N, C-alpha and C. Protein backbone atom coordinates (compact mmCIF):
# COMPACT_ATOMS: atom_id res chain seq x y z
N MET A 1 10.06 34.82 5.63
CA MET A 1 10.53 33.87 6.60
C MET A 1 10.02 32.50 6.29
N ALA A 2 10.85 31.55 6.59
CA ALA A 2 10.49 30.14 6.33
C ALA A 2 9.67 29.61 7.48
N LYS A 3 8.72 28.81 7.10
CA LYS A 3 7.89 28.20 8.13
C LYS A 3 8.49 26.86 8.52
N PHE A 4 8.42 26.58 9.77
CA PHE A 4 8.89 25.30 10.26
C PHE A 4 7.71 24.37 10.43
N ASN A 5 7.76 23.24 9.70
CA ASN A 5 6.69 22.25 9.81
C ASN A 5 7.14 21.11 10.72
N LYS A 6 6.16 20.58 11.40
CA LYS A 6 6.48 19.41 12.22
C LYS A 6 6.74 18.22 11.31
N LYS A 7 7.73 17.45 11.68
CA LYS A 7 8.04 16.25 10.90
C LYS A 7 6.95 15.22 11.15
N LYS A 8 6.41 14.68 10.06
CA LYS A 8 5.36 13.68 10.20
C LYS A 8 5.97 12.38 10.68
N ASP A 9 5.16 11.62 11.42
CA ASP A 9 5.61 10.30 11.89
C ASP A 9 5.77 9.38 10.69
N GLY A 10 6.93 8.85 10.49
CA GLY A 10 7.23 8.02 9.33
C GLY A 10 6.74 6.60 9.45
N GLY A 11 6.12 6.21 10.49
CA GLY A 11 5.66 4.84 10.67
C GLY A 11 6.79 3.95 11.14
N LEU A 12 6.68 2.67 10.84
CA LEU A 12 7.71 1.72 11.25
C LEU A 12 8.92 1.83 10.34
N PRO A 13 10.10 1.66 10.90
CA PRO A 13 11.28 1.67 10.04
C PRO A 13 11.30 0.40 9.18
N PRO A 14 11.95 0.41 8.03
CA PRO A 14 11.99 -0.78 7.16
C PRO A 14 12.71 -1.94 7.85
N VAL A 15 12.30 -3.16 7.47
CA VAL A 15 12.90 -4.36 8.06
C VAL A 15 14.30 -4.54 7.51
N ASN A 16 15.22 -4.81 8.41
CA ASN A 16 16.60 -5.02 8.01
C ASN A 16 16.74 -6.44 7.45
N THR A 17 17.11 -6.56 6.19
CA THR A 17 17.24 -7.87 5.54
C THR A 17 18.70 -8.28 5.34
N ALA A 18 19.59 -7.70 6.07
CA ALA A 18 21.01 -8.01 5.91
C ALA A 18 21.33 -9.45 6.31
N ALA A 19 20.61 -10.00 7.29
CA ALA A 19 20.90 -11.36 7.75
C ALA A 19 20.13 -12.43 6.97
N LEU A 20 19.27 -12.03 6.06
CA LEU A 20 18.44 -12.98 5.33
C LEU A 20 19.25 -14.00 4.52
N PRO A 21 20.28 -13.62 3.76
CA PRO A 21 21.06 -14.63 3.04
C PRO A 21 21.73 -15.65 3.97
N ASP A 22 22.17 -15.20 5.13
CA ASP A 22 22.77 -16.13 6.10
C ASP A 22 21.75 -17.17 6.56
N ILE A 23 20.55 -16.73 6.82
CA ILE A 23 19.50 -17.64 7.29
C ILE A 23 19.13 -18.64 6.19
N VAL A 24 19.02 -18.16 4.96
CA VAL A 24 18.67 -19.04 3.84
C VAL A 24 19.74 -20.10 3.65
N PHE A 25 21.01 -19.73 3.67
CA PHE A 25 22.07 -20.71 3.49
C PHE A 25 22.16 -21.67 4.66
N MET A 26 21.87 -21.21 5.86
CA MET A 26 21.86 -22.09 7.02
C MET A 26 20.76 -23.14 6.88
N LEU A 27 19.57 -22.73 6.44
CA LEU A 27 18.48 -23.68 6.22
C LEU A 27 18.82 -24.65 5.09
N LEU A 28 19.40 -24.16 4.03
CA LEU A 28 19.80 -25.03 2.92
C LEU A 28 20.80 -26.08 3.38
N PHE A 29 21.79 -25.65 4.14
CA PHE A 29 22.79 -26.59 4.66
C PHE A 29 22.14 -27.62 5.58
N PHE A 30 21.22 -27.19 6.43
CA PHE A 30 20.55 -28.11 7.34
C PHE A 30 19.80 -29.19 6.56
N PHE A 31 19.03 -28.79 5.55
CA PHE A 31 18.26 -29.78 4.79
C PHE A 31 19.14 -30.69 3.95
N MET A 32 20.27 -30.18 3.48
CA MET A 32 21.20 -31.04 2.74
C MET A 32 21.79 -32.12 3.65
N VAL A 33 22.08 -31.77 4.88
CA VAL A 33 22.68 -32.72 5.82
C VAL A 33 21.63 -33.68 6.37
N ALA A 34 20.44 -33.20 6.64
CA ALA A 34 19.42 -34.01 7.31
C ALA A 34 18.62 -34.89 6.36
N THR A 35 18.66 -34.63 5.07
CA THR A 35 17.86 -35.40 4.12
C THR A 35 18.51 -36.75 3.83
N VAL A 36 17.70 -37.78 3.80
CA VAL A 36 18.17 -39.12 3.50
C VAL A 36 17.62 -39.50 2.13
N MET A 37 18.47 -40.05 1.29
CA MET A 37 18.00 -40.49 -0.02
C MET A 37 17.09 -41.70 0.15
N ARG A 38 16.01 -41.72 -0.59
CA ARG A 38 15.02 -42.78 -0.45
C ARG A 38 15.52 -44.07 -1.06
N GLU A 39 15.38 -45.13 -0.32
CA GLU A 39 15.70 -46.47 -0.80
C GLU A 39 14.44 -47.08 -1.40
N ASP A 40 14.63 -48.19 -2.09
CA ASP A 40 13.48 -48.89 -2.65
C ASP A 40 12.63 -49.48 -1.54
N THR A 41 11.32 -49.48 -1.73
CA THR A 41 10.40 -50.10 -0.80
C THR A 41 10.25 -51.56 -1.21
N LEU A 42 10.71 -52.46 -0.36
CA LEU A 42 10.66 -53.87 -0.72
C LEU A 42 9.25 -54.41 -0.59
N LYS A 43 8.80 -55.06 -1.65
CA LYS A 43 7.50 -55.72 -1.65
C LYS A 43 7.67 -57.23 -1.60
N ILE A 44 8.89 -57.66 -1.40
CA ILE A 44 9.20 -59.09 -1.34
C ILE A 44 9.92 -59.40 -0.04
N THR A 45 9.93 -60.69 0.33
CA THR A 45 10.78 -61.09 1.45
C THR A 45 12.18 -61.29 0.88
N ASN A 46 13.15 -60.74 1.53
CA ASN A 46 14.49 -60.79 1.00
C ASN A 46 15.48 -61.13 2.11
N THR A 47 15.57 -62.42 2.43
CA THR A 47 16.56 -62.90 3.37
C THR A 47 17.76 -63.34 2.56
N LEU A 48 18.82 -62.56 2.61
CA LEU A 48 19.98 -62.85 1.77
C LEU A 48 20.75 -64.05 2.31
N PRO A 49 21.33 -64.86 1.42
CA PRO A 49 22.19 -65.95 1.88
C PRO A 49 23.44 -65.37 2.53
N LEU A 50 24.08 -66.17 3.36
CA LEU A 50 25.26 -65.71 4.08
C LEU A 50 26.53 -66.17 3.37
N ALA A 51 27.58 -65.39 3.50
CA ALA A 51 28.89 -65.73 2.95
C ALA A 51 29.96 -65.15 3.85
N ASN A 52 31.13 -65.77 3.84
CA ASN A 52 32.20 -65.27 4.68
C ASN A 52 33.32 -64.59 3.88
N GLN A 53 33.33 -64.71 2.58
CA GLN A 53 34.32 -64.08 1.71
C GLN A 53 33.62 -62.99 0.90
N ILE A 54 33.32 -61.88 1.53
CA ILE A 54 32.56 -60.83 0.85
C ILE A 54 33.39 -59.57 0.69
N GLU A 55 33.01 -58.77 -0.31
CA GLU A 55 33.63 -57.46 -0.55
C GLU A 55 32.53 -56.44 -0.74
N LYS A 56 32.79 -55.23 -0.30
CA LYS A 56 31.82 -54.16 -0.49
C LYS A 56 31.98 -53.59 -1.90
N LEU A 57 30.85 -53.18 -2.47
CA LEU A 57 30.88 -52.52 -3.77
C LEU A 57 31.36 -51.09 -3.61
N ASP A 58 32.03 -50.60 -4.63
CA ASP A 58 32.49 -49.22 -4.65
C ASP A 58 31.29 -48.31 -4.90
N LYS A 59 30.94 -47.48 -3.93
CA LYS A 59 29.76 -46.62 -4.03
C LYS A 59 29.93 -45.50 -5.05
N SER A 60 31.16 -45.25 -5.50
CA SER A 60 31.35 -44.17 -6.47
C SER A 60 30.93 -44.61 -7.88
N LYS A 61 30.76 -45.91 -8.08
CA LYS A 61 30.32 -46.41 -9.38
C LYS A 61 28.83 -46.70 -9.33
N PRO A 62 28.14 -46.56 -10.45
CA PRO A 62 26.68 -46.75 -10.45
C PRO A 62 26.28 -48.20 -10.23
N ILE A 63 25.25 -48.40 -9.42
CA ILE A 63 24.75 -49.74 -9.09
C ILE A 63 23.24 -49.75 -9.29
N SER A 64 22.75 -50.74 -10.00
CA SER A 64 21.30 -50.94 -10.16
C SER A 64 20.95 -52.23 -9.44
N TYR A 65 19.84 -52.22 -8.69
CA TYR A 65 19.45 -53.37 -7.91
C TYR A 65 18.26 -54.08 -8.53
N ILE A 66 18.34 -55.40 -8.56
CA ILE A 66 17.22 -56.25 -8.96
C ILE A 66 16.95 -57.17 -7.78
N TYR A 67 15.72 -57.11 -7.26
CA TYR A 67 15.34 -57.92 -6.11
C TYR A 67 14.53 -59.11 -6.59
N ILE A 68 14.82 -60.28 -6.02
CA ILE A 68 14.07 -61.49 -6.37
C ILE A 68 13.67 -62.18 -5.06
N GLY A 69 12.38 -62.48 -4.93
CA GLY A 69 11.90 -63.16 -3.74
C GLY A 69 10.39 -63.32 -3.78
N LYS A 70 9.87 -63.97 -2.76
CA LYS A 70 8.42 -64.17 -2.66
C LYS A 70 7.75 -62.89 -2.21
N PRO A 71 6.58 -62.57 -2.78
CA PRO A 71 5.86 -61.37 -2.33
C PRO A 71 5.55 -61.45 -0.84
N SER A 72 5.60 -60.30 -0.18
CA SER A 72 5.38 -60.28 1.26
C SER A 72 4.10 -59.54 1.60
N GLY A 73 3.57 -59.81 2.76
CA GLY A 73 2.44 -59.07 3.31
C GLY A 73 1.20 -59.09 2.44
N ASN A 74 0.68 -57.91 2.14
CA ASN A 74 -0.55 -57.78 1.36
C ASN A 74 -0.38 -58.17 -0.10
N TYR A 75 0.84 -58.24 -0.58
CA TYR A 75 1.08 -58.54 -1.99
C TYR A 75 0.91 -60.02 -2.30
N THR A 76 0.86 -60.88 -1.27
CA THR A 76 0.73 -62.32 -1.49
C THR A 76 -0.61 -62.64 -2.14
N SER A 77 -1.67 -61.95 -1.75
CA SER A 77 -2.99 -62.25 -2.31
C SER A 77 -3.07 -61.86 -3.79
N LYS A 78 -2.36 -60.83 -4.19
CA LYS A 78 -2.42 -60.38 -5.58
C LYS A 78 -1.42 -61.10 -6.48
N PHE A 79 -0.22 -61.37 -5.96
CA PHE A 79 0.85 -61.91 -6.79
C PHE A 79 1.20 -63.36 -6.50
N GLY A 80 0.58 -63.98 -5.52
CA GLY A 80 0.86 -65.38 -5.22
C GLY A 80 2.06 -65.56 -4.32
N THR A 81 2.52 -66.79 -4.24
CA THR A 81 3.64 -67.10 -3.34
C THR A 81 4.90 -67.52 -4.09
N GLU A 82 4.86 -67.50 -5.41
CA GLU A 82 6.05 -67.82 -6.19
C GLU A 82 6.99 -66.62 -6.21
N ALA A 83 8.28 -66.88 -6.38
CA ALA A 83 9.27 -65.80 -6.40
C ALA A 83 8.99 -64.86 -7.57
N ARG A 84 9.12 -63.58 -7.30
CA ARG A 84 8.87 -62.53 -8.29
C ARG A 84 10.09 -61.62 -8.37
N ILE A 85 10.14 -60.84 -9.44
CA ILE A 85 11.21 -59.87 -9.66
C ILE A 85 10.68 -58.49 -9.31
N GLN A 86 11.49 -57.73 -8.58
CA GLN A 86 11.13 -56.35 -8.26
C GLN A 86 12.22 -55.44 -8.81
N LEU A 87 11.81 -54.51 -9.68
CA LEU A 87 12.71 -53.50 -10.23
C LEU A 87 12.28 -52.17 -9.64
N ASN A 88 13.17 -51.51 -8.95
CA ASN A 88 12.86 -50.29 -8.21
C ASN A 88 11.71 -50.57 -7.25
N ASP A 89 10.55 -49.95 -7.41
CA ASP A 89 9.45 -50.14 -6.47
C ASP A 89 8.30 -50.95 -7.04
N ASP A 90 8.48 -51.59 -8.18
CA ASP A 90 7.39 -52.30 -8.81
C ASP A 90 7.78 -53.73 -9.16
N PHE A 91 6.78 -54.62 -9.12
CA PHE A 91 7.00 -55.98 -9.60
C PHE A 91 7.15 -55.93 -11.12
N ALA A 92 7.93 -56.85 -11.66
CA ALA A 92 8.19 -56.86 -13.10
C ALA A 92 8.29 -58.29 -13.59
N ASP A 93 8.15 -58.45 -14.89
CA ASP A 93 8.37 -59.73 -15.53
C ASP A 93 9.78 -59.75 -16.09
N VAL A 94 10.20 -60.93 -16.52
CA VAL A 94 11.56 -61.08 -17.04
C VAL A 94 11.78 -60.21 -18.28
N ASP A 95 10.75 -60.07 -19.12
CA ASP A 95 10.91 -59.30 -20.35
C ASP A 95 11.01 -57.79 -20.11
N GLN A 96 10.84 -57.33 -18.88
CA GLN A 96 10.98 -55.90 -18.57
C GLN A 96 12.38 -55.53 -18.09
N ILE A 97 13.27 -56.51 -18.04
CA ILE A 97 14.62 -56.24 -17.53
C ILE A 97 15.44 -55.43 -18.53
N ILE A 98 15.35 -55.76 -19.81
CA ILE A 98 16.14 -55.02 -20.82
C ILE A 98 15.73 -53.55 -20.86
N PRO A 99 14.42 -53.20 -20.89
CA PRO A 99 14.08 -51.77 -20.82
C PRO A 99 14.53 -51.11 -19.51
N PHE A 100 14.51 -51.85 -18.41
CA PHE A 100 14.98 -51.32 -17.13
C PHE A 100 16.47 -50.96 -17.21
N ILE A 101 17.27 -51.87 -17.75
CA ILE A 101 18.71 -51.62 -17.86
C ILE A 101 18.97 -50.46 -18.81
N ASN A 102 18.23 -50.41 -19.92
CA ASN A 102 18.41 -49.29 -20.86
C ASN A 102 18.03 -47.95 -20.21
N ALA A 103 16.99 -47.94 -19.39
CA ALA A 103 16.60 -46.71 -18.69
C ALA A 103 17.65 -46.31 -17.66
N GLU A 104 18.23 -47.30 -16.98
CA GLU A 104 19.29 -47.01 -16.01
C GLU A 104 20.51 -46.42 -16.71
N ARG A 105 20.85 -46.96 -17.87
CA ARG A 105 21.99 -46.43 -18.63
C ARG A 105 21.70 -45.01 -19.12
N ALA A 106 20.47 -44.77 -19.56
CA ALA A 106 20.12 -43.45 -20.07
C ALA A 106 20.17 -42.39 -18.97
N ALA A 107 19.96 -42.79 -17.73
CA ALA A 107 19.98 -41.83 -16.62
C ALA A 107 21.40 -41.50 -16.17
N LEU A 108 22.38 -42.25 -16.64
CA LEU A 108 23.77 -42.03 -16.22
C LEU A 108 24.49 -41.08 -17.17
N ARG A 109 25.56 -40.48 -16.67
CA ARG A 109 26.44 -39.72 -17.54
C ARG A 109 27.17 -40.71 -18.44
N GLU A 110 27.55 -40.27 -19.61
CA GLU A 110 28.12 -41.16 -20.62
C GLU A 110 29.39 -41.86 -20.14
N GLU A 111 30.21 -41.18 -19.37
CA GLU A 111 31.46 -41.80 -18.93
C GLU A 111 31.26 -42.85 -17.84
N LEU A 112 30.08 -42.87 -17.19
CA LEU A 112 29.80 -43.86 -16.15
C LEU A 112 29.09 -45.11 -16.67
N VAL A 113 28.59 -45.08 -17.90
CA VAL A 113 27.82 -46.21 -18.44
C VAL A 113 28.63 -47.51 -18.42
N PRO A 114 29.92 -47.54 -18.79
CA PRO A 114 30.65 -48.82 -18.75
C PRO A 114 30.85 -49.39 -17.35
N PHE A 115 30.68 -48.57 -16.33
CA PHE A 115 30.90 -49.03 -14.95
C PHE A 115 29.63 -49.48 -14.25
N LEU A 116 28.49 -49.49 -14.95
CA LEU A 116 27.22 -49.88 -14.34
C LEU A 116 27.29 -51.34 -13.89
N THR A 117 27.02 -51.56 -12.62
CA THR A 117 26.99 -52.90 -12.04
C THR A 117 25.55 -53.22 -11.65
N VAL A 118 25.11 -54.43 -12.00
CA VAL A 118 23.78 -54.88 -11.61
C VAL A 118 23.95 -55.79 -10.41
N SER A 119 23.34 -55.42 -9.31
CA SER A 119 23.43 -56.20 -8.09
C SER A 119 22.13 -56.98 -7.90
N LEU A 120 22.26 -58.29 -7.84
CA LEU A 120 21.10 -59.17 -7.64
C LEU A 120 20.96 -59.44 -6.15
N LYS A 121 19.83 -59.05 -5.60
CA LYS A 121 19.53 -59.34 -4.19
C LYS A 121 18.47 -60.43 -4.20
N VAL A 122 18.92 -61.66 -4.09
CA VAL A 122 18.05 -62.82 -4.25
C VAL A 122 17.80 -63.45 -2.89
N ASP A 123 16.52 -63.71 -2.60
CA ASP A 123 16.13 -64.38 -1.37
C ASP A 123 16.70 -65.79 -1.35
N ARG A 124 17.13 -66.25 -0.20
CA ARG A 124 17.75 -67.58 -0.12
C ARG A 124 16.77 -68.70 -0.44
N GLU A 125 15.47 -68.45 -0.35
CA GLU A 125 14.45 -69.46 -0.63
C GLU A 125 14.04 -69.49 -2.10
N SER A 126 14.55 -68.56 -2.91
CA SER A 126 14.12 -68.44 -4.30
C SER A 126 14.66 -69.58 -5.16
N ASN A 127 13.90 -69.87 -6.19
CA ASN A 127 14.28 -70.89 -7.16
C ASN A 127 15.35 -70.31 -8.09
N MET A 128 16.34 -71.11 -8.42
CA MET A 128 17.42 -70.63 -9.28
C MET A 128 16.98 -70.49 -10.73
N GLY A 129 15.82 -71.03 -11.09
CA GLY A 129 15.33 -70.88 -12.45
C GLY A 129 15.07 -69.44 -12.81
N ILE A 130 14.47 -68.69 -11.91
CA ILE A 130 14.19 -67.28 -12.17
C ILE A 130 15.49 -66.47 -12.21
N VAL A 131 16.46 -66.87 -11.42
CA VAL A 131 17.76 -66.19 -11.45
C VAL A 131 18.45 -66.43 -12.79
N GLY A 132 18.35 -67.65 -13.30
CA GLY A 132 18.91 -67.95 -14.61
C GLY A 132 18.24 -67.14 -15.72
N ASP A 133 16.92 -66.99 -15.63
CA ASP A 133 16.20 -66.18 -16.61
C ASP A 133 16.64 -64.72 -16.55
N VAL A 134 16.82 -64.20 -15.35
CA VAL A 134 17.27 -62.82 -15.19
C VAL A 134 18.67 -62.65 -15.76
N LYS A 135 19.55 -63.59 -15.48
CA LYS A 135 20.92 -63.51 -16.00
C LYS A 135 20.94 -63.57 -17.53
N GLN A 136 20.05 -64.37 -18.12
CA GLN A 136 19.97 -64.45 -19.58
C GLN A 136 19.53 -63.12 -20.17
N GLU A 137 18.55 -62.47 -19.55
CA GLU A 137 18.09 -61.15 -20.01
C GLU A 137 19.19 -60.10 -19.84
N LEU A 138 19.96 -60.20 -18.77
CA LEU A 138 21.06 -59.26 -18.56
C LEU A 138 22.13 -59.44 -19.64
N ARG A 139 22.37 -60.69 -20.05
CA ARG A 139 23.31 -60.94 -21.15
C ARG A 139 22.83 -60.28 -22.43
N GLU A 140 21.53 -60.42 -22.70
CA GLU A 140 20.98 -59.82 -23.92
C GLU A 140 21.02 -58.31 -23.86
N ALA A 141 20.92 -57.74 -22.68
CA ALA A 141 21.00 -56.28 -22.51
C ALA A 141 22.44 -55.80 -22.46
N ASN A 142 23.39 -56.73 -22.56
CA ASN A 142 24.82 -56.44 -22.48
C ASN A 142 25.20 -55.80 -21.15
N ALA A 143 24.53 -56.23 -20.09
CA ALA A 143 24.89 -55.83 -18.73
C ALA A 143 25.65 -56.99 -18.12
N LEU A 144 26.95 -56.98 -18.29
CA LEU A 144 27.76 -58.14 -17.94
C LEU A 144 28.43 -58.04 -16.58
N LYS A 145 28.36 -56.89 -15.93
CA LYS A 145 28.90 -56.76 -14.57
C LYS A 145 27.78 -57.07 -13.59
N ILE A 146 27.83 -58.27 -13.04
CA ILE A 146 26.77 -58.73 -12.14
C ILE A 146 27.38 -59.02 -10.78
N ASN A 147 26.66 -58.64 -9.74
CA ASN A 147 27.09 -58.87 -8.38
C ASN A 147 25.95 -59.56 -7.64
N TYR A 148 26.26 -60.53 -6.80
CA TYR A 148 25.28 -61.17 -5.94
C TYR A 148 25.46 -60.60 -4.54
N SER A 149 24.42 -60.00 -4.00
CA SER A 149 24.48 -59.45 -2.65
C SER A 149 24.23 -60.54 -1.63
N THR A 150 25.02 -60.54 -0.58
CA THR A 150 24.87 -61.53 0.49
C THR A 150 25.00 -60.84 1.84
N GLY A 151 24.63 -61.57 2.86
CA GLY A 151 24.85 -61.11 4.22
C GLY A 151 26.18 -61.68 4.72
N SER A 152 26.70 -61.10 5.76
CA SER A 152 27.95 -61.58 6.32
C SER A 152 27.67 -62.65 7.36
N GLY A 153 28.36 -63.78 7.25
CA GLY A 153 28.16 -64.85 8.20
C GLY A 153 28.76 -66.15 7.71
N ASP A 154 28.41 -67.23 8.37
CA ASP A 154 28.94 -68.55 8.01
C ASP A 154 28.12 -69.11 6.84
N ALA A 155 28.81 -69.46 5.75
CA ALA A 155 28.13 -69.96 4.55
C ALA A 155 27.45 -71.29 4.80
N LEU A 156 27.96 -72.08 5.76
CA LEU A 156 27.35 -73.37 6.03
C LEU A 156 25.97 -73.25 6.67
N SER A 157 25.67 -72.10 7.26
CA SER A 157 24.36 -71.92 7.87
C SER A 157 23.26 -71.75 6.83
N ASN A 158 23.62 -71.56 5.55
CA ASN A 158 22.63 -71.47 4.48
C ASN A 158 21.94 -72.81 4.26
N MET A 159 22.60 -73.91 4.67
CA MET A 159 22.05 -75.25 4.47
C MET A 159 20.96 -75.53 5.49
N ASP A 160 20.98 -74.85 6.63
CA ASP A 160 19.98 -75.08 7.67
C ASP A 160 18.66 -74.46 7.24
N LYS A 161 17.59 -75.22 7.40
CA LYS A 161 16.27 -74.68 7.04
C LYS A 161 15.32 -74.88 8.16
């Protein structure tokens, strides 16, 4: 005759992981929607001049920004009060523009390189001499698509100081 044994307690049942992929994709979607791409941290004062005939740049084409203005806040003691160039998050000299443009081109896909636009965000108080130097370096780097960023408003108000 066969003996009947008591069934041992199997402990806790295994965790059901059927909903785990749904939760992972929901979290992924949330972070994709909620994340904001980081902008450059401005270390200069950048009050853009005003213009009334402005056009928006096409965001589907690559844009590199060069900021020109006087150092702001804590940077005044280290860099002085003369207008400086800021490339991405760092101050730069004029001779660093060509390597910056070459690095921007290298980061792009090959078919987008001809569409690279350099946008100059120049403070209204800045000297045009530094802007001329930057434009000369951009010519040498063969970055010929240049845009001047402005604010929207009456252009005559730029004369008021």
